[in-house]
Amino acid sequence: MQLIRDAQSLLGMLESGDLNSEMTDTLQAVLEKLLDLSNERPNVTYKGEVALTLKLAVKNGMVEINAEIPPPKLPKLPRKSSMYWVVEGGRLSTEHPQQHDMFPGPREIDRGRNPLTSQ
């Protein structure tokens, strides 16, 4: 009779080893994402969560084990903010309403003028 003496051995055998492989891949993907986020903003702590649920059903001395790996939890990603000015009628403007535009839009080029001959 072959006995399974610890959880590590059991987890490695469940689903013919496929569960162990999937759990490893899930854990690696979450850690990689957390590392990427941490590299972008090193002073912020990012947290994630990987879970494994084992459902056990025993009947007449036999146990059925069903495993589930729920979708991992990742931190909510920060979003960039956008700034505008509110003007009359609740409309939004990209320009400060009390300042003049220092860089007006493109101007037409006078194609009749030769820059090399005019001084």
PDB file of N, CA and C in Angstrom:
ATOM      1  N   MET A   1       0.847  -1.163   0.000  1.00  0.00           N
ATOM      2  CA  MET A   1       0.000   0.000   0.000  1.00  0.00           C
ATOM      3  C   MET A   1       0.902   1.238   0.000  1.00  0.00           C
ATOM      4  N   GLN A   2       0.642   2.144  -0.944  1.00  0.00           N
ATOM      5  CA  GLN A   2       1.433   3.378  -1.038  1.00  0.00           C
ATOM      6  C   GLN A   2       0.669   4.493  -0.337  1.00  0.00           C
ATOM      7  N   LEU A   3       1.304   5.099   0.653  1.00  0.00           N
ATOM      8  CA  LEU A   3       0.673   6.161   1.422  1.00  0.00           C
ATOM      9  C   LEU A   3       1.183   7.530   0.974  1.00  0.00           C
ATOM     10  N   ILE A   4       0.285   8.482   0.967  1.00  0.00           N
ATOM     11  CA  ILE A   4       0.650   9.876   0.700  1.00  0.00           C
ATOM     12  C   ILE A   4       0.799  10.529   2.065  1.00  0.00           C
ATOM     13  N   ARG A   5       2.005  10.918   2.406  1.00  0.00           N
ATOM     14  CA  ARG A   5       2.291  11.345   3.766  1.00  0.00           C
ATOM     15  C   ARG A   5       2.257  12.866   3.972  1.00  0.00           C
ATOM     16  N   ASP A   6       2.265  13.651   2.899  1.00  0.00           N
ATOM     17  CA  ASP A   6       2.244  15.104   3.100  1.00  0.00           C
ATOM     18  C   ASP A   6       1.495  15.801   1.959  1.00  0.00           C
ATOM     19  N   ALA A   7       1.104  17.047   2.225  1.00  0.00           N
ATOM     20  CA  ALA A   7       0.317  17.830   1.259  1.00  0.00           C
ATOM     21  C   ALA A   7       1.119  18.129  -0.005  1.00  0.00           C
ATOM     22  N   GLN A   8       2.408  18.319   0.139  1.00  0.00           N
ATOM     23  CA  GLN A   8       3.244  18.619  -1.021  1.00  0.00           C
ATOM     24  C   GLN A   8       3.183  17.481  -2.039  1.00  0.00           C
ATOM     25  N   SER A   9       3.271  16.270  -1.572  1.00  0.00           N
ATOM     26  CA  SER A   9       3.178  15.113  -2.465  1.00  0.00           C
ATOM     27  C   SER A   9       1.804  15.029  -3.109  1.00  0.00           C
ATOM     28  N   LEU A  10       0.768  15.234  -2.306  1.00  0.00           N
ATOM     29  CA  LEU A  10      -0.598  15.175  -2.825  1.00  0.00           C
ATOM     30  C   LEU A  10      -0.821  16.221  -3.910  1.00  0.00           C
ATOM     31  N   LEU A  11      -0.420  17.463  -3.641  1.00  0.00           N
ATOM     32  CA  LEU A  11      -0.618  18.542  -4.616  1.00  0.00           C
ATOM     33  C   LEU A  11       0.119  18.260  -5.921  1.00  0.00           C
ATOM     34  N   GLY A  12       1.265  17.646  -5.828  1.00  0.00           N
ATOM     35  CA  GLY A  12       2.021  17.304  -7.036  1.00  0.00           C
ATOM     36  C   GLY A  12       1.366  16.207  -7.851  1.00  0.00           C
ATOM     37  N   MET A  13       0.530  15.377  -7.220  1.00  0.00           N
ATOM     38  CA  MET A  13      -0.110  14.256  -7.926  1.00  0.00           C
ATOM     39  C   MET A  13      -1.511  14.579  -8.437  1.00  0.00           C
ATOM     40  N   LEU A  14      -2.163  15.596  -7.867  1.00  0.00           N
ATOM     41  CA  LEU A  14      -3.537  15.899  -8.264  1.00  0.00           C
ATOM     42  C   LEU A  14      -3.616  16.221  -9.758  1.00  0.00           C
ATOM     43  N   GLU A  15      -4.657  15.722 -10.376  1.00  0.00           N
ATOM     44  CA  GLU A  15      -4.897  15.925 -11.816  1.00  0.00           C
ATOM     45  C   GLU A  15      -3.688  15.495 -12.643  1.00  0.00           C
ATOM     46  N   SER A  16      -3.049  14.427 -12.223  1.00  0.00           N
ATOM     47  CA  SER A  16      -1.872  13.875 -12.913  1.00  0.00           C
ATOM     48  C   SER A  16      -0.754  14.905 -13.072  1.00  0.00           C
ATOM     49  N   GLY A  17      -0.642  15.808 -12.110  1.00  0.00           N
ATOM     50  CA  GLY A  17       0.412  16.817 -12.138  1.00  0.00           C
ATOM     51  C   GLY A  17       0.010  18.110 -12.841  1.00  0.00           C
ATOM     52  N   ASP A  18      -1.138  18.099 -13.520  1.00  0.00           N
ATOM     53  CA  ASP A  18      -1.571  19.310 -14.244  1.00  0.00           C
ATOM     54  C   ASP A  18      -1.919  20.451 -13.302  1.00  0.00           C
ATOM     55  N   LEU A  19      -2.477  20.135 -12.137  1.00  0.00           N
ATOM     56  CA  LEU A  19      -2.825  21.175 -11.167  1.00  0.00           C
ATOM     57  C   LEU A  19      -1.566  21.903 -10.704  1.00  0.00           C
ATOM     58  N   ASN A  20      -0.531  21.162 -10.398  1.00  0.00           N
ATOM     59  CA  ASN A  20       0.730  21.757  -9.961  1.00  0.00           C
ATOM     60  C   ASN A  20       1.287  22.684 -11.038  1.00  0.00           C
ATOM     61  N   SER A  21       1.235  22.249 -12.274  1.00  0.00           N
ATOM     62  CA  SER A  21       1.731  23.052 -13.395  1.00  0.00           C
ATOM     63  C   SER A  21       0.923  24.338 -13.563  1.00  0.00           C
ATOM     64  N   GLU A  22      -0.414  24.216 -13.485  1.00  0.00           N
ATOM     65  CA  GLU A  22      -1.267  25.401 -13.631  1.00  0.00           C
ATOM     66  C   GLU A  22      -1.066  26.373 -12.468  1.00  0.00           C
ATOM     67  N   MET A  23      -0.934  25.848 -11.263  1.00  0.00           N
ATOM     68  CA  MET A  23      -0.719  26.701 -10.098  1.00  0.00           C
ATOM     69  C   MET A  23       0.614  27.429 -10.203  1.00  0.00           C
ATOM     70  N   THR A  24       1.627  26.739 -10.662  1.00  0.00           N
ATOM     71  CA  THR A  24       2.945  27.354 -10.859  1.00  0.00           C
ATOM     72  C   THR A  24       2.870  28.475 -11.881  1.00  0.00           C
ATOM     73  N   ASP A  25       2.196  28.224 -13.013  1.00  0.00           N
ATOM     74  CA  ASP A  25       2.053  29.240 -14.061  1.00  0.00           C
ATOM     75  C   ASP A  25       1.280  30.457 -13.556  1.00  0.00           C
ATOM     76  N   THR A  26       0.209  30.216 -12.799  1.00  0.00           N
ATOM     77  CA  THR A  26      -0.596  31.316 -12.258  1.00  0.00           C
ATOM     78  C   THR A  26       0.219  32.155 -11.290  1.00  0.00           C
ATOM     79  N   LEU A  27       0.924  31.513 -10.396  1.00  0.00           N
ATOM     80  CA  LEU A  27       1.758  32.210  -9.417  1.00  0.00           C
ATOM     81  C   LEU A  27       2.835  33.036 -10.118  1.00  0.00           C
ATOM     82  N   GLN A  28       3.476  32.435 -11.110  1.00  0.00           N
ATOM     83  CA  GLN A  28       4.524  33.131 -11.850  1.00  0.00           C
ATOM     84  C   GLN A  28       3.972  34.352 -12.581  1.00  0.00           C
ATOM     85  N   ALA A  29       2.795  34.234 -13.197  1.00  0.00           N
ATOM     86  CA  ALA A  29       2.190  35.347 -13.933  1.00  0.00           C
ATOM     87  C   ALA A  29       1.848  36.505 -12.987  1.00  0.00           C
ATOM     88  N   VAL A  30       1.313  36.189 -11.815  1.00  0.00           N
ATOM     89  CA  VAL A  30       0.966  37.234 -10.850  1.00  0.00           C
ATOM     90  C   VAL A  30       2.228  37.925 -10.341  1.00  0.00           C
ATOM     91  N   LEU A  31       3.243  37.158 -10.005  1.00  0.00           N
ATOM     92  CA  LEU A  31       4.488  37.752  -9.524  1.00  0.00           C
ATOM     93  C   LEU A  31       5.148  38.623 -10.592  1.00  0.00           C
ATOM     94  N   GLU A  32       5.092  38.187 -11.834  1.00  0.00           N
ATOM     95  CA  GLU A  32       5.666  38.971 -12.931  1.00  0.00           C
ATOM     96  C   GLU A  32       4.932  40.303 -13.089  1.00  0.00           C
ATOM     97  N   LYS A  33       3.598  40.282 -13.005  1.00  0.00           N
ATOM     98  CA  LYS A  33       2.816  41.505 -13.116  1.00  0.00           C
ATOM     99  C   LYS A  33       3.115  42.442 -11.952  1.00  0.00           C
ATOM    100  N   LEU A  34       3.196  41.913 -10.738  1.00  0.00           N
ATOM    101  CA  LEU A  34       3.513  42.742  -9.574  1.00  0.00           C
ATOM    102  C   LEU A  34       4.912  43.345  -9.683  1.00  0.00           C
ATOM    103  N   LEU A  35       5.851  42.587 -10.214  1.00  0.00           N
ATOM    104  CA  LEU A  35       7.208  43.097 -10.405  1.00  0.00           C
ATOM    105  C   LEU A  35       7.211  44.236 -11.426  1.00  0.00           C
ATOM    106  N   ASP A  36       6.485  44.067 -12.525  1.00  0.00           N
ATOM    107  CA  ASP A  36       6.403  45.126 -13.538  1.00  0.00           C
ATOM    108  C   ASP A  36       5.843  46.415 -12.933  1.00  0.00           C
ATOM    109  N   LEU A  37       4.772  46.276 -12.163  1.00  0.00           N
ATOM    110  CA  LEU A  37       4.182  47.455 -11.524  1.00  0.00           C
ATOM    111  C   LEU A  37       5.162  48.093 -10.542  1.00  0.00           C
ATOM    112  N   SER A  38       5.860  47.269  -9.788  1.00  0.00           N
ATOM    113  CA  SER A  38       6.817  47.759  -8.805  1.00  0.00           C
ATOM    114  C   SER A  38       7.998  48.464  -9.473  1.00  0.00           C
ATOM    115  N   ASN A  39       8.416  47.966 -10.619  1.00  0.00           N
ATOM    116  CA  ASN A  39       9.520  48.615 -11.339  1.00  0.00           C
ATOM    117  C   ASN A  39       9.114  49.990 -11.859  1.00  0.00           C
ATOM    118  N   GLU A  40       7.837  50.150 -12.210  1.00  0.00           N
ATOM    119  CA  GLU A  40       7.352  51.441 -12.706  1.00  0.00           C
ATOM    120  C   GLU A  40       7.278  52.471 -11.574  1.00  0.00           C
ATOM    121  N   ARG A  41       6.902  52.035 -10.380  1.00  0.00           N
ATOM    122  CA  ARG A  41       6.762  52.922  -9.221  1.00  0.00           C
ATOM    123  C   ARG A  41       7.359  52.228  -8.004  1.00  0.00           C
ATOM    124  N   PRO A  42       8.681  52.309  -7.834  1.00  0.00           N
ATOM    125  CA  PRO A  42       9.367  51.532  -6.800  1.00  0.00           C
ATOM    126  C   PRO A  42       8.976  51.867  -5.362  1.00  0.00           C
ATOM    127  N   ASN A  43       8.387  53.019  -5.104  1.00  0.00           N
ATOM    128  CA  ASN A  43       8.044  53.386  -3.725  1.00  0.00           C
ATOM    129  C   ASN A  43       6.649  52.924  -3.325  1.00  0.00           C
ATOM    130  N   VAL A  44       5.953  52.225  -4.218  1.00  0.00           N
ATOM    131  CA  VAL A  44       4.597  51.762  -3.944  1.00  0.00           C
ATOM    132  C   VAL A  44       4.631  50.246  -3.754  1.00  0.00           C
ATOM    133  N   THR A  45       3.885  49.750  -2.773  1.00  0.00           N
ATOM    134  CA  THR A  45       3.770  48.310  -2.551  1.00  0.00           C
ATOM    135  C   THR A  45       2.558  47.791  -3.303  1.00  0.00           C
ATOM    136  N   TYR A  46       2.761  46.827  -4.163  1.00  0.00           N
ATOM    137  CA  TYR A  46       1.672  46.213  -4.922  1.00  0.00           C
ATOM    138  C   TYR A  46       1.416  44.822  -4.375  1.00  0.00           C
ATOM    139  N   LYS A  47       0.132  44.490  -4.183  1.00  0.00           N
ATOM    140  CA  LYS A  47      -0.229  43.200  -3.608  1.00  0.00           C
ATOM    141  C   LYS A  47      -1.135  42.435  -4.558  1.00  0.00           C
ATOM    142  N   GLY A  48      -0.978  41.140  -4.572  1.00  0.00           N
ATOM    143  CA  GLY A  48      -1.822  40.263  -5.367  1.00  0.00           C
ATOM    144  C   GLY A  48      -2.232  39.063  -4.534  1.00  0.00           C
ATOM    145  N   GLU A  49      -3.049  38.209  -5.128  1.00  0.00           N
ATOM    146  CA  GLU A  49      -3.521  37.042  -4.390  1.00  0.00           C
ATOM    147  C   GLU A  49      -3.741  35.881  -5.350  1.00  0.00           C
ATOM    148  N   VAL A  50      -3.209  34.727  -4.981  1.00  0.00           N
ATOM    149  CA  VAL A  50      -3.425  33.484  -5.719  1.00  0.00           C
ATOM    150  C   VAL A  50      -4.008  32.492  -4.720  1.00  0.00           C
ATOM    151  N   ALA A  51      -5.066  31.802  -5.118  1.00  0.00           N
ATOM    152  CA  ALA A  51      -5.738  30.872  -4.200  1.00  0.00           C
ATOM    153  C   ALA A  51      -5.889  29.503  -4.848  1.00  0.00           C
ATOM    154  N   LEU A  52      -5.950  28.511  -3.997  1.00  0.00           N
ATOM    155  CA  LEU A  52      -6.219  27.141  -4.418  1.00  0.00           C
ATOM    156  C   LEU A  52      -7.276  26.591  -3.470  1.00  0.00           C
ATOM    157  N   THR A  53      -8.363  26.091  -4.028  1.00  0.00           N
ATOM    158  CA  THR A  53      -9.433  25.511  -3.227  1.00  0.00           C
ATOM    159  C   THR A  53      -9.501  24.016  -3.517  1.00  0.00           C
ATOM    160  N   LEU A  54      -9.506  23.226  -2.468  1.00  0.00           N
ATOM    161  CA  LEU A  54      -9.667  21.782  -2.602  1.00  0.00           C
ATOM    162  C   LEU A  54     -11.021  21.396  -2.017  1.00  0.00           C
ATOM    163  N   LYS A  55     -11.859  20.778  -2.825  1.00  0.00           N
ATOM    164  CA  LYS A  55     -13.168  20.299  -2.362  1.00  0.00           C
ATOM    165  C   LYS A  55     -13.068  18.795  -2.176  1.00  0.00           C
ATOM    166  N   LEU A  56     -13.416  18.350  -0.987  1.00  0.00           N
ATOM    167  CA  LEU A  56     -13.275  16.942  -0.616  1.00  0.00           C
ATOM    168  C   LEU A  56     -14.654  16.323  -0.416  1.00  0.00           C
ATOM    169  N   ALA A  57     -14.847  15.145  -0.976  1.00  0.00           N
ATOM    170  CA  ALA A  57     -16.090  14.388  -0.775  1.00  0.00           C
ATOM    171  C   ALA A  57     -15.720  12.946  -0.446  1.00  0.00           C
ATOM    172  N   VAL A  58     -16.130  12.469   0.723  1.00  0.00           N
ATOM    173  CA  VAL A  58     -15.787  11.119   1.172  1.00  0.00           C
ATOM    174  C   VAL A  58     -17.050  10.263   1.182  1.00  0.00           C
ATOM    175  N   LYS A  59     -16.924   9.066   0.575  1.00  0.00           N
ATOM    176  CA  LYS A  59     -18.032   8.112   0.574  1.00  0.00           C
ATOM    177  C   LYS A  59     -17.439   6.714   0.641  1.00  0.00           C
ATOM    178  N   ASN A  60     -17.876   5.965   1.614  1.00  0.00           N
ATOM    179  CA  ASN A  60     -17.473   4.572   1.763  1.00  0.00           C
ATOM    180  C   ASN A  60     -15.950   4.417   1.776  1.00  0.00           C
ATOM    181  N   GLY A  61     -15.258   5.345   2.473  1.00  0.00           N
ATOM    182  CA  GLY A  61     -13.806   5.226   2.628  1.00  0.00           C
ATOM    183  C   GLY A  61     -13.004   5.765   1.461  1.00  0.00           C
ATOM    184  N   MET A  62     -13.651   6.288   0.436  1.00  0.00           N
ATOM    185  CA  MET A  62     -12.938   6.826  -0.727  1.00  0.00           C
ATOM    186  C   MET A  62     -13.161   8.334  -0.781  1.00  0.00           C
ATOM    187  N   VAL A  63     -12.096   9.073  -1.063  1.00  0.00           N
ATOM    188  CA  VAL A  63     -12.200  10.526  -1.135  1.00  0.00           C
ATOM    189  C   VAL A  63     -12.069  10.969  -2.590  1.00  0.00           C
ATOM    190  N   GLU A  64     -12.941  11.880  -2.982  1.00  0.00           N
ATOM    191  CA  GLU A  64     -12.856  12.535  -4.295  1.00  0.00           C
ATOM    192  C   GLU A  64     -12.373  13.952  -4.037  1.00  0.00           C
ATOM    193  N   ILE A  65     -11.305  14.347  -4.727  1.00  0.00           N
ATOM    194  CA  ILE A  65     -10.722  15.680  -4.530  1.00  0.00           C
ATOM    195  C   ILE A  65     -10.879  16.460  -5.835  1.00  0.00           C
ATOM    196  N   ASN A  66     -11.550  17.596  -5.727  1.00  0.00           N
ATOM    197  CA  ASN A  66     -11.705  18.503  -6.868  1.00  0.00           C
ATOM    198  C   ASN A  66     -11.025  19.816  -6.513  1.00  0.00           C
ATOM    199  N   ALA A  67     -10.129  20.233  -7.371  1.00  0.00           N
ATOM    200  CA  ALA A  67      -9.361  21.456  -7.120  1.00  0.00           C
ATOM    201  C   ALA A  67      -9.868  22.586  -8.005  1.00  0.00           C
ATOM    202  N   GLU A  68      -9.722  23.796  -7.476  1.00  0.00           N
ATOM    203  CA  GLU A  68     -10.099  24.982  -8.242  1.00  0.00           C
ATOM    204  C   GLU A  68      -9.078  26.073  -7.975  1.00  0.00           C
ATOM    205  N   ILE A  69      -8.648  26.729  -9.057  1.00  0.00           N
ATOM    206  CA  ILE A  69      -7.775  27.893  -8.943  1.00  0.00           C
ATOM    207  C   ILE A  69      -8.603  29.082  -9.436  1.00  0.00           C
ATOM    208  N   PRO A  70      -9.161  29.859  -8.494  1.00  0.00           N
ATOM    209  CA  PRO A  70      -9.942  31.019  -8.925  1.00  0.00           C
ATOM    210  C   PRO A  70      -9.049  32.047  -9.628  1.00  0.00           C
ATOM    211  N   PRO A  71      -9.632  32.934 -10.416  1.00  0.00           N
ATOM    212  CA  PRO A  71      -8.809  33.971 -11.066  1.00  0.00           C
ATOM    213  C   PRO A  71      -8.024  34.761 -10.018  1.00  0.00           C
ATOM    214  N   PRO A  72      -6.758  35.027 -10.283  1.00  0.00           N
ATOM    215  CA  PRO A  72      -5.940  35.748  -9.298  1.00  0.00           C
ATOM    216  C   PRO A  72      -6.427  37.192  -9.137  1.00  0.00           C
ATOM    217  N   LYS A  73      -6.150  37.743  -7.964  1.00  0.00           N
ATOM    218  CA  LYS A  73      -6.488  39.139  -7.703  1.00  0.00           C
ATOM    219  C   LYS A  73      -5.230  39.975  -7.873  1.00  0.00           C
ATOM    220  N   LEU A  74      -5.359  41.024  -8.662  1.00  0.00           N
ATOM    221  CA  LEU A  74      -4.257  41.951  -8.882  1.00  0.00           C
ATOM    222  C   LEU A  74      -4.678  43.326  -8.380  1.00  0.00           C
ATOM    223  N   PRO A  75      -3.708  44.189  -8.075  1.00  0.00           N
ATOM    224  CA  PRO A  75      -4.078  45.518  -7.581  1.00  0.00           C
ATOM    225  C   PRO A  75      -4.781  46.324  -8.664  1.00  0.00           C
ATOM    226  N   LYS A  76      -5.633  47.226  -8.213  1.00  0.00           N
ATOM    227  CA  LYS A  76      -6.281  48.142  -9.134  1.00  0.00           C
ATOM    228  C   LYS A  76      -5.210  49.102  -9.639  1.00  0.00           C
ATOM    229  N   LEU A  77      -5.095  49.209 -10.945  1.00  0.00           N
ATOM    230  CA  LEU A  77      -4.038  50.022 -11.525  1.00  0.00           C
ATOM    231  C   LEU A  77      -4.388  51.504 -11.450  1.00  0.00           C
ATOM    232  N   PRO A  78      -3.409  52.333 -11.085  1.00  0.00           N
ATOM    233  CA  PRO A  78      -3.680  53.770 -11.041  1.00  0.00           C
ATOM    234  C   PRO A  78      -3.899  54.306 -12.454  1.00  0.00           C
ATOM    235  N   ARG A  79      -4.807  55.269 -12.567  1.00  0.00           N
ATOM    236  CA  ARG A  79      -5.094  55.888 -13.858  1.00  0.00           C
ATOM    237  C   ARG A  79      -4.545  57.306 -13.842  1.00  0.00           C
ATOM    238  N   LYS A  80      -4.214  57.808 -15.016  1.00  0.00           N
ATOM    239  CA  LYS A  80      -3.730  59.180 -15.134  1.00  0.00           C
ATOM    240  C   LYS A  80      -4.906  60.133 -15.013  1.00  0.00           C
ATOM    241  N   SER A  81      -4.635  61.325 -14.502  1.00  0.00           N
ATOM    242  CA  SER A  81      -5.683  62.329 -14.424  1.00  0.00           C
ATOM    243  C   SER A  81      -5.521  63.329 -15.568  1.00  0.00           C
ATOM    244  N   SER A  82      -6.585  64.002 -15.912  1.00  0.00           N
ATOM    245  CA  SER A  82      -6.588  65.017 -16.958  1.00  0.00           C
ATOM    246  C   SER A  82      -7.147  66.295 -16.369  1.00  0.00           C
ATOM    247  N   MET A  83      -6.572  67.430 -16.738  1.00  0.00           N
ATOM    248  CA  MET A  83      -6.985  68.716 -16.193  1.00  0.00           C
ATOM    249  C   MET A  83      -7.561  69.596 -17.307  1.00  0.00           C
ATOM    250  N   TYR A  84      -8.706  70.217 -17.019  1.00  0.00           N
ATOM    251  CA  TYR A  84      -9.359  71.149 -17.939  1.00  0.00           C
ATOM    252  C   TYR A  84      -9.920  72.298 -17.116  1.00  0.00           C
ATOM    253  N   TRP A  85     -10.396  73.321 -17.788  1.00  0.00           N
ATOM    254  CA  TRP A  85     -11.070  74.412 -17.123  1.00  0.00           C
ATOM    255  C   TRP A  85     -12.547  74.355 -17.473  1.00  0.00           C
ATOM    256  N   VAL A  86     -13.358  74.671 -16.481  1.00  0.00           N
ATOM    257  CA  VAL A  86     -14.794  74.739 -16.707  1.00  0.00           C
ATOM    258  C   VAL A  86     -15.129  76.188 -17.044  1.00  0.00           C
ATOM    259  N   VAL A  87     -15.809  76.392 -18.160  1.00  0.00           N
ATOM    260  CA  VAL A  87     -16.178  77.730 -18.608  1.00  0.00           C
ATOM    261  C   VAL A  87     -17.702  77.844 -18.659  1.00  0.00           C
ATOM    262  N   GLU A  88     -18.177  78.931 -19.223  1.00  0.00           N
ATOM    263  CA  GLU A  88     -19.614  79.187 -19.289  1.00  0.00           C
ATOM    264  C   GLU A  88     -20.400  77.985 -19.776  1.00  0.00           C
ATOM    265  N   GLY A  89     -21.543  77.788 -19.171  1.00  0.00           N
ATOM    266  CA  GLY A  89     -22.430  76.709 -19.588  1.00  0.00           C
ATOM    267  C   GLY A  89     -21.944  75.331 -19.197  1.00  0.00           C
ATOM    268  N   GLY A  90     -20.944  75.256 -18.324  1.00  0.00           N
ATOM    269  CA  GLY A  90     -20.438  73.960 -17.889  1.00  0.00           C
ATOM    270  C   GLY A  90     -19.609  73.247 -18.944  1.00  0.00           C
ATOM    271  N   ARG A  91     -19.134  73.975 -19.920  1.00  0.00           N
ATOM    272  CA  ARG A  91     -18.289  73.368 -20.957  1.00  0.00           C
ATOM    273  C   ARG A  91     -16.846  73.286 -20.477  1.00  0.00           C
ATOM    274  N   LEU A  92     -16.089  72.406 -21.097  1.00  0.00           N
ATOM    275  CA  LEU A  92     -14.683  72.231 -20.743  1.00  0.00           C
ATOM    276  C   LEU A  92     -13.803  72.916 -21.775  1.00  0.00           C
ATOM    277  N   SER A  93     -12.688  73.469 -21.297  1.00  0.00           N
ATOM    278  CA  SER A  93     -11.734  74.125 -22.184  1.00  0.00           C
ATOM    279  C   SER A  93     -10.338  73.629 -21.864  1.00  0.00           C
ATOM    280  N   THR A  94      -9.525  73.528 -22.894  1.00  0.00           N
ATOM    281  CA  THR A  94      -8.124  73.143 -22.688  1.00  0.00           C
ATOM    282  C   THR A  94      -7.260  74.365 -22.410  1.00  0.00           C
ATOM    283  N   GLU A  95      -7.822  75.567 -22.563  1.00  0.00           N
ATOM    284  CA  GLU A  95      -7.087  76.804 -22.344  1.00  0.00           C
ATOM    285  C   GLU A  95      -7.662  77.536 -21.135  1.00  0.00           C
ATOM    286  N   HIS A  96      -6.789  78.164 -20.379  1.00  0.00           N
ATOM    287  CA  HIS A  96      -7.224  78.955 -19.224  1.00  0.00           C
ATOM    288  C   HIS A  96      -8.083  80.106 -19.741  1.00  0.00           C
ATOM    289  N   PRO A  97      -9.260  80.290 -19.206  1.00  0.00           N
ATOM    290  CA  PRO A  97     -10.170  81.291 -19.749  1.00  0.00           C
ATOM    291  C   PRO A  97      -9.696  82.732 -19.566  1.00  0.00           C
ATOM    292  N   GLN A  98      -8.744  82.994 -18.667  1.00  0.00           N
ATOM    293  CA  GLN A  98      -8.288  84.364 -18.435  1.00  0.00           C
ATOM    294  C   GLN A  98      -6.908  84.620 -19.014  1.00  0.00           C
ATOM    295  N   GLN A  99      -6.397  83.721 -19.810  1.00  0.00           N
ATOM    296  CA  GLN A  99      -5.079  83.912 -20.425  1.00  0.00           C
ATOM    297  C   GLN A  99      -5.213  83.837 -21.932  1.00  0.00           C
ATOM    298  N   HIS A 100      -4.304  84.560 -22.616  1.00  0.00           N
ATOM    299  CA  HIS A 100      -4.283  84.514 -24.071  1.00  0.00           C
ATOM    300  C   HIS A 100      -3.408  83.360 -24.518  1.00  0.00           C
ATOM    301  N   ASP A 101      -3.730  82.808 -25.651  1.00  0.00           N
ATOM    302  CA  ASP A 101      -2.957  81.690 -26.196  1.00  0.00           C
ATOM    303  C   ASP A 101      -1.598  82.198 -26.660  1.00  0.00           C
ATOM    304  N   MET A 102      -0.528  81.689 -26.047  1.00  0.00           N
ATOM    305  CA  MET A 102       0.822  82.115 -26.422  1.00  0.00           C
ATOM    306  C   MET A 102       1.276  81.476 -27.729  1.00  0.00           C
ATOM    307  N   PHE A 103       0.686  80.360 -28.077  1.00  0.00           N
ATOM    308  CA  PHE A 103       1.072  79.647 -29.279  1.00  0.00           C
ATOM    309  C   PHE A 103      -0.162  79.434 -30.142  1.00  0.00           C
ATOM    310  N   PRO A 104      -0.529  80.460 -30.906  1.00  0.00           N
ATOM    311  CA  PRO A 104      -1.729  80.288 -31.739  1.00  0.00           C
ATOM    312  C   PRO A 104      -1.494  79.194 -32.768  1.00  0.00           C
ATOM    313  N   GLY A 105      -2.556  78.731 -33.351  1.00  0.00           N
ATOM    314  CA  GLY A 105      -2.472  77.648 -34.340  1.00  0.00           C
ATOM    315  C   GLY A 105      -1.601  78.010 -35.532  1.00  0.00           C
ATOM    316  N   PRO A 106      -1.467  77.081 -36.470  1.00  0.00           N
ATOM    317  CA  PRO A 106      -0.597  77.311 -37.629  1.00  0.00           C
ATOM    318  C   PRO A 106      -1.081  78.498 -38.467  1.00  0.00           C
ATOM    319  N   ARG A 107      -0.083  79.212 -39.045  1.00  0.00           N
ATOM    320  CA  ARG A 107      -0.397  80.348 -39.919  1.00  0.00           C
ATOM    321  C   ARG A 107      -0.179  79.933 -41.362  1.00  0.00           C
ATOM    322  N   GLU A 108      -0.854  80.647 -42.258  1.00  0.00           N
ATOM    323  CA  GLU A 108      -0.662  80.371 -43.688  1.00  0.00           C
ATOM    324  C   GLU A 108       0.692  80.895 -44.120  1.00  0.00           C
ATOM    325  N   ILE A 109       1.305  80.194 -45.044  1.00  0.00           N
ATOM    326  CA  ILE A 109       2.600  80.594 -45.594  1.00  0.00           C
ATOM    327  C   ILE A 109       2.340  81.370 -46.873  1.00  0.00           C
ATOM    328  N   ASP A 110       3.019  82.514 -47.003  1.00  0.00           N
ATOM    329  CA  ASP A 110       2.912  83.309 -48.233  1.00  0.00           C
ATOM    330  C   ASP A 110       3.828  82.681 -49.267  1.00  0.00           C
ATOM    331  N   ARG A 111       3.260  81.940 -50.164  1.00  0.00           N
ATOM    332  CA  ARG A 111       4.062  81.198 -51.154  1.00  0.00           C
ATOM    333  C   ARG A 111       4.578  82.097 -52.270  1.00  0.00           C
ATOM    334  N   GLY A 112       4.078  83.316 -52.378  1.00  0.00           N
ATOM    335  CA  GLY A 112       4.538  84.224 -53.425  1.00  0.00           C
ATOM    336  C   GLY A 112       5.829  84.930 -53.065  1.00  0.00           C
ATOM    337  N   ARG A 113       6.211  84.865 -51.822  1.00  0.00           N
ATOM    338  CA  ARG A 113       7.408  85.536 -51.337  1.00  0.00           C
ATOM    339  C   ARG A 113       8.591  84.596 -51.365  1.00  0.00           C
ATOM    340  N   ASN A 114       9.710  85.023 -51.932  1.00  0.00           N
ATOM    341  CA  ASN A 114      10.927  84.219 -51.971  1.00  0.00           C
ATOM    342  C   ASN A 114      11.806  84.627 -50.796  1.00  0.00           C
ATOM    343  N   PRO A 115      12.033  83.750 -49.824  1.00  0.00           N
ATOM    344  CA  PRO A 115      12.808  84.135 -48.643  1.00  0.00           C
ATOM    345  C   PRO A 115      14.263  84.458 -48.931  1.00  0.00           C
ATOM    346  N   LEU A 116      14.785  83.990 -50.046  1.00  0.00           N
ATOM    347  CA  LEU A 116      16.200  84.261 -50.353  1.00  0.00           C
ATOM    348  C   LEU A 116      16.396  85.659 -50.924  1.00  0.00           C
ATOM    349  N   THR A 117      15.388  86.219 -51.579  1.00  0.00           N
ATOM    350  CA  THR A 117      15.540  87.547 -52.208  1.00  0.00           C
ATOM    351  C   THR A 117      14.977  88.661 -51.357  1.00  0.00           C
ATOM    352  N   SER A 118      14.055  88.382 -50.453  1.00  0.00           N
ATOM    353  CA  SER A 118      13.475  89.457 -49.635  1.00  0.00           C
ATOM    354  C   SER A 118      14.313  89.670 -48.398  1.00  0.00           C
ATOM    355  N   GLN A 119      14.489  90.973 -48.052  1.00  0.00           N
ATOM    356  CA  GLN A 119      15.294  91.286 -46.876  1.00  0.00           C
ATOM    357  C   GLN A 119      14.588  92.247 -45.989  1.00  0.00           C
TER     358      GLN A 119
END
